[in-house]
N, C-alpha and C. Protein backbone atom coordinates (compact mmCIF):
# COMPACT_ATOMS: atom_id res chain seq x y z
N UNK A 1 0.85 -1.19 0.00
CA UNK A 1 0.00 0.00 0.02
C UNK A 1 0.88 1.25 0.00
N UNK A 2 1.56 1.48 -1.13
CA UNK A 2 2.41 2.66 -1.22
C UNK A 2 2.14 3.37 -2.52
N UNK A 3 1.90 4.64 -2.44
CA UNK A 3 1.68 5.45 -3.62
C UNK A 3 2.99 5.56 -4.39
N UNK A 4 2.94 5.44 -5.72
CA UNK A 4 4.18 5.40 -6.52
C UNK A 4 4.64 6.74 -7.00
N UNK A 5 3.71 7.64 -7.32
CA UNK A 5 4.10 8.93 -7.87
C UNK A 5 3.01 9.97 -7.67
N UNK A 6 3.37 11.22 -7.75
CA UNK A 6 2.42 12.33 -7.72
C UNK A 6 2.71 13.17 -8.96
N UNK A 7 1.71 13.35 -9.80
CA UNK A 7 1.87 14.11 -11.04
C UNK A 7 2.23 15.57 -10.70
N UNK A 8 2.85 16.27 -11.68
CA UNK A 8 3.18 17.68 -11.45
C UNK A 8 1.94 18.51 -11.07
N UNK A 9 0.79 18.17 -11.65
CA UNK A 9 -0.45 18.90 -11.32
C UNK A 9 -1.37 17.98 -10.53
N UNK A 10 -1.10 17.89 -9.24
CA UNK A 10 -1.92 17.09 -8.33
C UNK A 10 -2.67 18.02 -7.39
N UNK A 11 -3.94 17.70 -7.18
CA UNK A 11 -4.78 18.49 -6.27
C UNK A 11 -5.18 17.66 -5.06
N UNK A 12 -5.30 18.32 -3.93
CA UNK A 12 -5.87 17.70 -2.73
C UNK A 12 -7.37 17.97 -2.73
N UNK A 13 -8.19 16.94 -2.59
CA UNK A 13 -9.63 17.08 -2.55
C UNK A 13 -10.09 16.51 -1.23
N UNK A 14 -10.65 17.37 -0.38
CA UNK A 14 -11.09 17.02 0.97
C UNK A 14 -12.62 16.96 1.02
N UNK A 15 -13.17 15.84 1.42
CA UNK A 15 -14.61 15.61 1.40
C UNK A 15 -15.24 15.80 2.78
N UNK A 16 -16.15 16.76 2.85
CA UNK A 16 -17.10 16.93 3.98
C UNK A 16 -16.50 17.10 5.37
N UNK A 17 -15.34 17.72 5.47
CA UNK A 17 -14.82 18.06 6.80
C UNK A 17 -15.45 19.40 7.18
N UNK A 18 -16.62 19.31 7.75
CA UNK A 18 -17.43 20.50 8.07
C UNK A 18 -17.99 20.39 9.48
N UNK A 19 -18.42 21.54 9.98
CA UNK A 19 -18.83 21.64 11.38
C UNK A 19 -19.90 20.63 11.81
N UNK A 20 -20.85 20.35 10.95
CA UNK A 20 -21.94 19.45 11.30
C UNK A 20 -21.53 18.02 11.54
N UNK A 21 -20.33 17.67 11.10
CA UNK A 21 -19.87 16.29 11.30
C UNK A 21 -18.88 16.17 12.44
N UNK A 22 -18.57 17.28 13.11
CA UNK A 22 -17.57 17.30 14.16
C UNK A 22 -17.90 16.35 15.31
N UNK A 23 -19.17 16.20 15.64
CA UNK A 23 -19.58 15.36 16.75
C UNK A 23 -19.74 13.89 16.41
N UNK A 24 -19.55 13.55 15.14
CA UNK A 24 -19.70 12.16 14.69
C UNK A 24 -18.48 11.36 15.15
N UNK A 25 -18.71 10.21 15.80
CA UNK A 25 -17.57 9.39 16.18
C UNK A 25 -17.03 8.66 14.96
N UNK A 26 -15.82 8.94 14.61
CA UNK A 26 -15.19 8.30 13.45
C UNK A 26 -14.67 6.95 13.79
N UNK A 27 -14.60 6.08 12.77
CA UNK A 27 -14.04 4.76 12.94
C UNK A 27 -13.34 4.39 11.66
N UNK A 28 -12.11 4.01 11.64
CA UNK A 28 -11.27 3.70 12.79
C UNK A 28 -10.54 4.89 13.37
N UNK A 29 -10.59 6.05 12.72
CA UNK A 29 -9.89 7.24 13.21
C UNK A 29 -10.89 8.25 13.70
N UNK A 30 -10.52 8.98 14.74
CA UNK A 30 -11.40 10.05 15.24
C UNK A 30 -11.39 11.19 14.22
N UNK A 31 -12.45 12.01 14.25
CA UNK A 31 -12.51 13.16 13.35
C UNK A 31 -11.35 14.12 13.65
N UNK A 32 -10.97 14.21 14.90
CA UNK A 32 -9.84 15.06 15.26
C UNK A 32 -8.54 14.64 14.59
N UNK A 33 -8.29 13.32 14.55
CA UNK A 33 -7.10 12.81 13.88
C UNK A 33 -7.15 13.07 12.40
N UNK A 34 -8.31 12.87 11.82
CA UNK A 34 -8.49 13.08 10.38
C UNK A 34 -8.30 14.56 10.01
N UNK A 35 -8.86 15.45 10.82
CA UNK A 35 -8.69 16.89 10.56
C UNK A 35 -7.21 17.25 10.65
N UNK A 36 -6.54 16.77 11.67
CA UNK A 36 -5.10 17.06 11.86
C UNK A 36 -4.29 16.62 10.62
N UNK A 37 -4.56 15.43 10.13
CA UNK A 37 -3.83 14.92 8.98
C UNK A 37 -4.15 15.72 7.71
N UNK A 38 -5.43 16.13 7.59
CA UNK A 38 -5.82 16.94 6.45
C UNK A 38 -5.18 18.33 6.48
N UNK A 39 -5.01 18.89 7.67
CA UNK A 39 -4.32 20.16 7.80
C UNK A 39 -2.87 20.03 7.32
N UNK A 40 -2.21 18.94 7.71
CA UNK A 40 -0.82 18.69 7.27
C UNK A 40 -0.76 18.61 5.75
N UNK A 41 -1.67 17.86 5.15
CA UNK A 41 -1.66 17.72 3.70
C UNK A 41 -1.98 19.05 3.01
N UNK A 42 -3.01 19.73 3.51
CA UNK A 42 -3.40 21.01 2.91
C UNK A 42 -2.26 22.03 3.00
N UNK A 43 -1.59 22.11 4.13
CA UNK A 43 -0.48 23.04 4.27
C UNK A 43 0.64 22.72 3.27
N UNK A 44 0.92 21.42 3.11
CA UNK A 44 1.98 21.00 2.18
C UNK A 44 1.60 21.31 0.74
N UNK A 45 0.36 21.10 0.36
CA UNK A 45 -0.09 21.43 -0.99
C UNK A 45 -0.05 22.94 -1.21
N UNK A 46 -0.55 23.72 -0.24
CA UNK A 46 -0.53 25.17 -0.39
C UNK A 46 0.88 25.71 -0.53
N UNK A 47 1.81 25.15 0.24
CA UNK A 47 3.20 25.61 0.21
C UNK A 47 3.82 25.39 -1.17
N UNK A 48 3.30 24.42 -1.93
CA UNK A 48 3.82 24.12 -3.26
C UNK A 48 2.92 24.68 -4.35
N UNK A 49 1.96 25.52 -3.95
CA UNK A 49 1.00 26.16 -4.87
C UNK A 49 0.25 25.15 -5.70
N UNK A 50 -0.10 24.03 -5.06
CA UNK A 50 -0.95 23.00 -5.67
C UNK A 50 -2.37 23.20 -5.17
N UNK A 51 -3.39 22.94 -5.96
CA UNK A 51 -4.76 23.19 -5.58
C UNK A 51 -5.22 22.40 -4.38
N UNK A 52 -5.95 23.08 -3.52
CA UNK A 52 -6.64 22.45 -2.39
C UNK A 52 -8.13 22.71 -2.59
N UNK A 53 -8.90 21.64 -2.69
CA UNK A 53 -10.34 21.74 -2.88
C UNK A 53 -11.04 21.23 -1.64
N UNK A 54 -11.85 22.10 -1.05
CA UNK A 54 -12.61 21.75 0.16
C UNK A 54 -14.07 21.56 -0.26
N UNK A 55 -14.55 20.34 -0.14
CA UNK A 55 -15.90 19.97 -0.57
C UNK A 55 -16.78 19.92 0.67
N UNK A 56 -17.95 20.51 0.56
CA UNK A 56 -18.91 20.46 1.66
C UNK A 56 -20.25 20.01 1.11
N UNK A 57 -21.04 19.40 1.96
CA UNK A 57 -22.40 19.03 1.56
C UNK A 57 -23.36 20.01 2.22
N UNK A 58 -24.35 20.44 1.46
CA UNK A 58 -25.32 21.42 1.98
C UNK A 58 -26.62 21.25 1.21
N UNK A 59 -27.69 21.73 1.81
CA UNK A 59 -29.01 21.65 1.19
C UNK A 59 -29.77 22.96 1.46
N UNK A 60 -30.73 23.23 0.60
CA UNK A 60 -31.60 24.40 0.80
C UNK A 60 -32.34 24.24 2.12
N UNK A 61 -32.65 25.34 2.81
CA UNK A 61 -33.36 25.24 4.10
C UNK A 61 -34.65 24.45 4.04
N UNK A 62 -35.36 24.52 2.90
CA UNK A 62 -36.62 23.78 2.81
C UNK A 62 -36.43 22.34 2.31
N UNK A 63 -35.19 21.94 2.09
CA UNK A 63 -34.90 20.56 1.68
C UNK A 63 -35.26 20.27 0.23
N UNK A 64 -35.57 21.27 -0.56
CA UNK A 64 -36.03 21.06 -1.92
C UNK A 64 -34.96 20.45 -2.85
N UNK A 65 -33.70 20.55 -2.47
CA UNK A 65 -32.67 20.00 -3.36
C UNK A 65 -32.03 18.71 -2.79
N UNK A 66 -32.69 18.13 -1.79
CA UNK A 66 -32.24 16.83 -1.29
C UNK A 66 -32.57 15.77 -2.36
N UNK A 67 -31.65 14.84 -2.52
CA UNK A 67 -31.81 13.79 -3.52
C UNK A 67 -33.12 13.03 -3.24
N UNK A 68 -34.00 12.93 -4.25
CA UNK A 68 -35.25 12.20 -4.05
C UNK A 68 -35.03 10.70 -4.21
N UNK A 69 -36.08 9.94 -3.98
CA UNK A 69 -36.03 8.50 -4.17
C UNK A 69 -36.26 7.77 -2.87
N UNK A 70 -36.83 6.59 -3.00
CA UNK A 70 -37.12 5.77 -1.83
C UNK A 70 -35.86 5.03 -1.36
N UNK A 71 -35.65 5.01 -0.07
CA UNK A 71 -34.55 4.25 0.52
C UNK A 71 -35.10 3.50 1.73
N UNK A 72 -34.42 2.45 2.10
CA UNK A 72 -34.83 1.70 3.27
C UNK A 72 -34.46 2.42 4.55
N UNK A 73 -33.37 3.14 4.48
CA UNK A 73 -32.95 3.92 5.66
C UNK A 73 -33.59 5.30 5.62
N UNK A 74 -34.34 5.68 6.66
CA UNK A 74 -35.03 6.96 6.62
C UNK A 74 -34.05 8.14 6.61
N UNK A 75 -34.47 9.17 5.91
CA UNK A 75 -33.64 10.40 5.86
C UNK A 75 -33.95 11.26 7.06
N UNK A 76 -32.97 12.08 7.41
CA UNK A 76 -33.18 13.02 8.49
C UNK A 76 -34.17 14.08 8.05
N UNK A 77 -35.11 14.40 8.92
CA UNK A 77 -36.11 15.39 8.54
C UNK A 77 -35.94 16.69 9.36
N UNK A 78 -35.06 16.68 10.29
CA UNK A 78 -34.88 17.88 11.12
C UNK A 78 -33.99 18.91 10.42
N UNK A 79 -34.21 20.14 10.76
CA UNK A 79 -33.39 21.21 10.20
C UNK A 79 -32.03 21.24 10.89
N UNK A 80 -30.98 21.23 10.12
CA UNK A 80 -29.64 21.24 10.74
C UNK A 80 -29.36 22.62 11.39
N UNK A 81 -28.50 22.63 12.39
CA UNK A 81 -28.19 23.90 13.06
C UNK A 81 -27.43 24.84 12.13
N UNK A 82 -27.50 26.10 12.42
CA UNK A 82 -26.78 27.11 11.63
C UNK A 82 -25.30 26.79 11.62
N UNK A 83 -24.69 26.95 10.48
CA UNK A 83 -23.24 26.74 10.32
C UNK A 83 -22.80 25.30 10.20
N UNK A 84 -23.74 24.37 10.18
CA UNK A 84 -23.40 22.94 10.10
C UNK A 84 -22.62 22.58 8.82
N UNK A 85 -22.84 23.38 7.77
CA UNK A 85 -22.26 23.06 6.49
C UNK A 85 -21.00 23.88 6.17
N UNK A 86 -20.49 24.58 7.17
CA UNK A 86 -19.25 25.34 6.97
C UNK A 86 -18.04 24.45 7.20
N UNK A 87 -17.01 24.66 6.38
CA UNK A 87 -15.75 23.89 6.50
C UNK A 87 -15.18 24.14 7.87
N UNK A 88 -14.60 23.10 8.49
CA UNK A 88 -14.02 23.25 9.83
C UNK A 88 -12.98 24.35 9.82
N UNK A 89 -12.90 25.15 10.88
CA UNK A 89 -12.01 26.29 10.90
C UNK A 89 -10.53 25.92 10.70
N UNK A 90 -10.12 24.74 11.10
CA UNK A 90 -8.74 24.34 10.91
C UNK A 90 -8.32 24.32 9.45
N UNK A 91 -9.27 24.11 8.54
CA UNK A 91 -8.99 24.05 7.10
C UNK A 91 -9.44 25.29 6.34
N UNK A 92 -10.39 26.00 6.87
CA UNK A 92 -11.01 27.13 6.16
C UNK A 92 -10.14 28.39 6.22
N UNK A 93 -10.51 29.35 5.37
CA UNK A 93 -9.92 30.67 5.47
C UNK A 93 -8.67 30.92 4.65
N UNK A 94 -8.40 30.05 3.67
CA UNK A 94 -7.22 30.24 2.82
C UNK A 94 -7.68 30.72 1.44
N UNK A 95 -7.28 31.92 1.07
CA UNK A 95 -7.81 32.59 -0.12
C UNK A 95 -7.68 31.77 -1.40
N UNK A 96 -6.61 31.02 -1.57
CA UNK A 96 -6.39 30.26 -2.82
C UNK A 96 -7.17 28.95 -2.91
N UNK A 97 -7.79 28.50 -1.82
CA UNK A 97 -8.51 27.24 -1.86
C UNK A 97 -9.80 27.37 -2.68
N UNK A 98 -10.20 26.25 -3.20
CA UNK A 98 -11.45 26.14 -3.97
C UNK A 98 -12.47 25.46 -3.07
N UNK A 99 -13.66 26.02 -2.97
CA UNK A 99 -14.73 25.38 -2.22
C UNK A 99 -15.80 24.94 -3.19
N UNK A 100 -16.20 23.69 -3.02
CA UNK A 100 -17.26 23.10 -3.87
C UNK A 100 -18.37 22.65 -2.94
N UNK A 101 -19.59 22.96 -3.32
CA UNK A 101 -20.78 22.54 -2.55
C UNK A 101 -21.49 21.45 -3.33
N UNK A 102 -21.67 20.31 -2.66
CA UNK A 102 -22.38 19.18 -3.30
C UNK A 102 -23.69 18.92 -2.59
N UNK A 103 -24.58 18.22 -3.26
CA UNK A 103 -25.86 17.85 -2.69
C UNK A 103 -26.10 16.35 -2.83
N UNK A 104 -25.08 15.64 -3.23
CA UNK A 104 -25.12 14.20 -3.44
C UNK A 104 -23.88 13.62 -2.74
N UNK A 105 -23.73 12.30 -2.83
CA UNK A 105 -22.56 11.66 -2.24
C UNK A 105 -21.27 12.06 -2.95
N UNK A 106 -21.28 12.03 -4.28
CA UNK A 106 -20.07 12.32 -5.06
C UNK A 106 -19.87 13.83 -5.19
N UNK A 107 -18.61 14.24 -5.06
CA UNK A 107 -18.29 15.66 -5.20
C UNK A 107 -18.30 16.09 -6.66
N UNK A 108 -18.41 15.16 -7.59
CA UNK A 108 -18.46 15.50 -9.00
C UNK A 108 -19.87 15.78 -9.51
N UNK A 109 -20.83 14.98 -9.05
CA UNK A 109 -22.17 15.03 -9.62
C UNK A 109 -22.86 16.36 -9.29
N UNK A 110 -23.23 17.10 -10.34
CA UNK A 110 -23.99 18.34 -10.14
C UNK A 110 -23.15 19.49 -9.59
N UNK A 111 -21.83 19.39 -9.66
CA UNK A 111 -20.97 20.46 -9.17
C UNK A 111 -19.99 20.90 -10.28
N UNK A 112 -19.21 21.89 -9.99
CA UNK A 112 -18.19 22.37 -10.96
C UNK A 112 -16.79 21.85 -10.57
N UNK A 113 -16.69 20.76 -9.83
CA UNK A 113 -15.37 20.24 -9.40
C UNK A 113 -14.53 19.88 -10.62
N UNK A 114 -15.07 19.12 -11.55
CA UNK A 114 -14.31 18.71 -12.71
C UNK A 114 -13.81 19.92 -13.50
N UNK A 115 -14.62 20.92 -13.65
CA UNK A 115 -14.24 22.14 -14.34
C UNK A 115 -13.09 22.84 -13.64
N UNK A 116 -13.15 22.99 -12.33
CA UNK A 116 -12.07 23.60 -11.54
C UNK A 116 -10.76 22.83 -11.77
N UNK A 117 -10.81 21.52 -11.73
CA UNK A 117 -9.60 20.69 -11.84
C UNK A 117 -9.02 20.78 -13.27
N UNK A 118 -9.84 20.60 -14.25
CA UNK A 118 -9.38 20.59 -15.65
C UNK A 118 -8.80 21.95 -16.06
N UNK A 119 -9.42 23.04 -15.61
CA UNK A 119 -8.91 24.38 -15.97
C UNK A 119 -7.56 24.64 -15.35
N UNK A 120 -7.23 23.93 -14.30
CA UNK A 120 -5.93 24.08 -13.66
C UNK A 120 -4.92 23.00 -14.13
N UNK A 121 -5.34 22.19 -15.08
CA UNK A 121 -4.47 21.15 -15.62
C UNK A 121 -4.24 19.97 -14.70
N UNK A 122 -5.09 19.78 -13.72
CA UNK A 122 -4.92 18.71 -12.73
C UNK A 122 -5.14 17.35 -13.39
N UNK A 123 -4.20 16.44 -13.16
CA UNK A 123 -4.31 15.08 -13.69
C UNK A 123 -4.40 14.03 -12.58
N UNK A 124 -4.14 14.47 -11.34
CA UNK A 124 -4.15 13.53 -10.22
C UNK A 124 -4.82 14.18 -9.01
N UNK A 125 -5.50 13.33 -8.25
CA UNK A 125 -6.18 13.81 -7.04
C UNK A 125 -5.70 13.00 -5.85
N UNK A 126 -5.38 13.66 -4.76
CA UNK A 126 -5.19 13.00 -3.46
C UNK A 126 -6.50 13.23 -2.73
N UNK A 127 -7.17 12.15 -2.37
CA UNK A 127 -8.51 12.22 -1.82
C UNK A 127 -8.53 11.85 -0.34
N UNK A 128 -9.30 12.65 0.45
CA UNK A 128 -9.40 12.47 1.89
C UNK A 128 -10.82 12.80 2.33
N UNK A 129 -11.10 12.62 3.62
CA UNK A 129 -12.37 13.13 4.19
C UNK A 129 -13.24 12.08 4.86
N UNK A 130 -14.55 12.40 4.91
CA UNK A 130 -15.55 11.53 5.53
C UNK A 130 -16.78 11.50 4.64
N UNK A 131 -17.50 10.48 4.71
CA UNK A 131 -17.21 9.19 5.24
C UNK A 131 -16.59 8.33 4.15
N UNK A 132 -15.65 7.51 4.55
CA UNK A 132 -14.87 6.70 3.62
C UNK A 132 -15.76 5.97 2.63
N UNK A 133 -16.79 5.28 3.13
CA UNK A 133 -17.61 4.42 2.28
C UNK A 133 -18.74 5.15 1.58
N UNK A 134 -18.89 6.43 1.85
CA UNK A 134 -19.99 7.18 1.22
C UNK A 134 -19.42 8.29 0.32
N UNK A 135 -19.17 9.48 0.89
CA UNK A 135 -18.69 10.61 0.09
C UNK A 135 -17.34 10.37 -0.52
N UNK A 136 -16.41 9.78 0.22
CA UNK A 136 -15.06 9.58 -0.33
C UNK A 136 -15.11 8.53 -1.42
N UNK A 137 -15.73 7.37 -1.17
CA UNK A 137 -15.78 6.31 -2.17
C UNK A 137 -16.53 6.76 -3.41
N UNK A 138 -17.65 7.45 -3.25
CA UNK A 138 -18.43 7.91 -4.40
C UNK A 138 -17.59 8.87 -5.26
N UNK A 139 -16.88 9.78 -4.59
CA UNK A 139 -16.01 10.71 -5.33
C UNK A 139 -14.87 9.98 -5.99
N UNK A 140 -14.28 9.00 -5.32
CA UNK A 140 -13.19 8.20 -5.89
C UNK A 140 -13.66 7.47 -7.14
N UNK A 141 -14.82 6.88 -7.09
CA UNK A 141 -15.34 6.16 -8.25
C UNK A 141 -15.50 7.12 -9.43
N UNK A 142 -16.07 8.29 -9.18
CA UNK A 142 -16.30 9.26 -10.24
C UNK A 142 -14.98 9.83 -10.77
N UNK A 143 -14.03 10.08 -9.90
CA UNK A 143 -12.72 10.58 -10.32
C UNK A 143 -12.06 9.56 -11.26
N UNK A 144 -12.17 8.28 -10.90
CA UNK A 144 -11.61 7.20 -11.74
C UNK A 144 -12.31 7.20 -13.11
N UNK A 145 -13.63 7.35 -13.11
CA UNK A 145 -14.40 7.37 -14.35
C UNK A 145 -14.06 8.57 -15.22
N UNK A 146 -13.67 9.68 -14.59
CA UNK A 146 -13.27 10.88 -15.29
C UNK A 146 -11.80 10.84 -15.79
N UNK A 147 -11.07 9.79 -15.43
CA UNK A 147 -9.70 9.61 -15.92
C UNK A 147 -8.62 10.25 -15.08
N UNK A 148 -8.94 10.65 -13.86
CA UNK A 148 -7.90 11.19 -12.98
C UNK A 148 -7.09 10.06 -12.35
N UNK A 149 -5.79 10.27 -12.20
CA UNK A 149 -4.98 9.39 -11.36
C UNK A 149 -5.43 9.67 -9.94
N UNK A 150 -5.52 8.65 -9.12
CA UNK A 150 -6.12 8.82 -7.81
C UNK A 150 -5.22 8.25 -6.74
N UNK A 151 -4.97 9.03 -5.69
CA UNK A 151 -4.26 8.58 -4.51
C UNK A 151 -5.21 8.76 -3.33
N UNK A 152 -5.35 7.72 -2.53
CA UNK A 152 -6.26 7.74 -1.40
C UNK A 152 -5.46 7.72 -0.13
N UNK A 153 -5.58 8.82 0.65
CA UNK A 153 -4.84 8.97 1.90
C UNK A 153 -5.61 8.20 2.98
N UNK A 154 -5.24 6.96 3.22
CA UNK A 154 -6.04 6.02 4.00
C UNK A 154 -6.20 6.40 5.46
N UNK A 155 -5.28 7.16 6.02
CA UNK A 155 -5.44 7.56 7.41
C UNK A 155 -5.89 9.02 7.55
N UNK A 156 -6.26 9.64 6.42
CA UNK A 156 -6.79 11.00 6.44
C UNK A 156 -8.27 10.97 6.08
N UNK A 157 -8.87 9.80 6.28
CA UNK A 157 -10.29 9.61 6.08
C UNK A 157 -10.82 8.66 7.15
N UNK A 158 -12.10 8.75 7.39
CA UNK A 158 -12.71 7.86 8.40
C UNK A 158 -14.17 7.68 8.05
N UNK A 159 -14.82 6.78 8.75
CA UNK A 159 -16.18 6.39 8.46
C UNK A 159 -16.98 6.39 9.75
N UNK A 160 -18.25 6.06 9.63
CA UNK A 160 -19.09 5.87 10.82
C UNK A 160 -18.94 4.45 11.34
N UNK A 161 -18.39 3.57 10.50
CA UNK A 161 -18.27 2.15 10.80
C UNK A 161 -16.90 1.67 10.33
N UNK A 162 -16.14 1.04 11.22
CA UNK A 162 -14.78 0.60 10.88
C UNK A 162 -14.80 -0.48 9.78
N UNK A 163 -15.80 -1.34 9.79
CA UNK A 163 -15.89 -2.37 8.74
C UNK A 163 -16.14 -1.75 7.37
N UNK A 164 -17.02 -0.75 7.32
CA UNK A 164 -17.27 -0.08 6.04
C UNK A 164 -16.01 0.62 5.55
N UNK A 165 -15.27 1.28 6.46
CA UNK A 165 -14.02 1.92 6.09
C UNK A 165 -13.06 0.88 5.52
N UNK A 166 -12.89 -0.24 6.20
CA UNK A 166 -11.95 -1.26 5.78
C UNK A 166 -12.34 -1.88 4.45
N UNK A 167 -13.64 -2.03 4.22
CA UNK A 167 -14.10 -2.58 2.94
C UNK A 167 -13.70 -1.65 1.77
N UNK A 168 -13.90 -0.35 1.97
CA UNK A 168 -13.52 0.60 0.91
C UNK A 168 -12.01 0.59 0.71
N UNK A 169 -11.26 0.65 1.82
CA UNK A 169 -9.77 0.70 1.74
C UNK A 169 -9.23 -0.57 1.12
N UNK A 170 -9.73 -1.72 1.55
CA UNK A 170 -9.15 -2.98 1.13
C UNK A 170 -9.69 -3.56 -0.16
N UNK A 171 -10.97 -3.31 -0.47
CA UNK A 171 -11.59 -3.97 -1.62
C UNK A 171 -11.86 -3.05 -2.81
N UNK A 172 -12.22 -1.81 -2.53
CA UNK A 172 -12.65 -0.90 -3.60
C UNK A 172 -11.50 -0.03 -4.10
N UNK A 173 -10.79 0.63 -3.19
CA UNK A 173 -9.79 1.59 -3.58
C UNK A 173 -8.64 1.04 -4.40
N UNK A 174 -8.15 -0.19 -4.17
CA UNK A 174 -7.09 -0.72 -5.01
C UNK A 174 -7.47 -0.80 -6.50
N UNK A 175 -8.78 -0.85 -6.79
CA UNK A 175 -9.26 -0.92 -8.16
C UNK A 175 -9.40 0.48 -8.78
N UNK A 176 -9.34 1.49 -7.95
CA UNK A 176 -9.56 2.88 -8.43
C UNK A 176 -8.28 3.71 -8.46
N UNK A 177 -7.31 3.34 -7.64
CA UNK A 177 -6.08 4.14 -7.57
C UNK A 177 -5.05 3.50 -6.68
N UNK A 178 -4.21 4.35 -6.11
CA UNK A 178 -3.19 3.90 -5.20
C UNK A 178 -3.45 4.43 -3.80
N UNK A 179 -3.05 3.63 -2.82
CA UNK A 179 -3.29 4.02 -1.43
C UNK A 179 -1.99 4.37 -0.76
N UNK A 180 -2.06 5.29 0.20
CA UNK A 180 -0.91 5.65 0.98
C UNK A 180 -1.32 6.37 2.25
N UNK A 181 -0.43 6.38 3.22
CA UNK A 181 -0.70 7.12 4.45
C UNK A 181 -0.35 8.59 4.24
N UNK A 182 -0.77 9.41 5.15
CA UNK A 182 -0.45 10.84 5.10
C UNK A 182 1.06 11.03 5.07
N UNK A 183 1.77 10.30 5.92
CA UNK A 183 3.22 10.41 5.97
C UNK A 183 3.86 10.03 4.64
N UNK A 184 3.40 8.93 4.02
CA UNK A 184 3.95 8.51 2.75
C UNK A 184 3.69 9.55 1.66
N UNK A 185 2.50 10.13 1.68
CA UNK A 185 2.16 11.13 0.65
C UNK A 185 2.99 12.40 0.86
N UNK A 186 3.16 12.81 2.11
CA UNK A 186 3.97 14.00 2.39
C UNK A 186 5.41 13.81 1.97
N UNK A 187 5.95 12.61 2.22
CA UNK A 187 7.34 12.30 1.86
C UNK A 187 7.49 12.34 0.32
N UNK A 188 6.56 11.75 -0.39
CA UNK A 188 6.60 11.74 -1.84
C UNK A 188 6.44 13.13 -2.39
N UNK A 189 5.55 13.91 -1.80
CA UNK A 189 5.34 15.29 -2.22
C UNK A 189 6.62 16.09 -2.08
N UNK A 190 7.36 15.91 -1.00
CA UNK A 190 8.62 16.61 -0.77
C UNK A 190 9.64 16.21 -1.83
N UNK A 191 9.66 14.94 -2.22
CA UNK A 191 10.62 14.45 -3.23
C UNK A 191 10.28 14.94 -4.63
N UNK A 192 9.01 14.95 -4.96
CA UNK A 192 8.61 15.22 -6.35
C UNK A 192 8.26 16.69 -6.61
N UNK A 193 8.00 17.44 -5.55
CA UNK A 193 7.58 18.82 -5.74
C UNK A 193 8.42 19.80 -4.91
N UNK A 194 9.67 19.38 -4.67
CA UNK A 194 10.65 20.25 -3.96
C UNK A 194 10.12 20.81 -2.76
């Protein structure tokens, strides 16, 4: 599980590290650990003038843009608290970062993420965030379908369920890209991007 290379135009894409998820118990990593690792990655990308994309999920106050369709698991019907959809302060507030708002699991569907990346010549994505088996995996699948080289920072993401996280890491991600730890990605970034 070692990432082999980082393209000259690689972007960091962070999924759903926002205030409303702060209280969610992560598994196998706590949200605090994941945020800390994402800060390290984001700082390293910014220092090399590589794109940092912060993706958040949000919906209209009346819920009119929530994805329709019947599911076995009931959807939340309560109104989220103010500020729930804001990027966590540890990552927010950097003028050069790109913020993308999604209303689905994948950060590509119905957003301008692909446009932002292509206009900047990005050919590779380092992907992180929550939840591993939902937003991260959906975005990874779509990134693969769009032809991006994909690196998955396995300890800079977490899930609501450790088994779901492990299934994505062990079974799905090897088919979509390369996996590496935050430390491995930072070391490779230092070697390949001075």
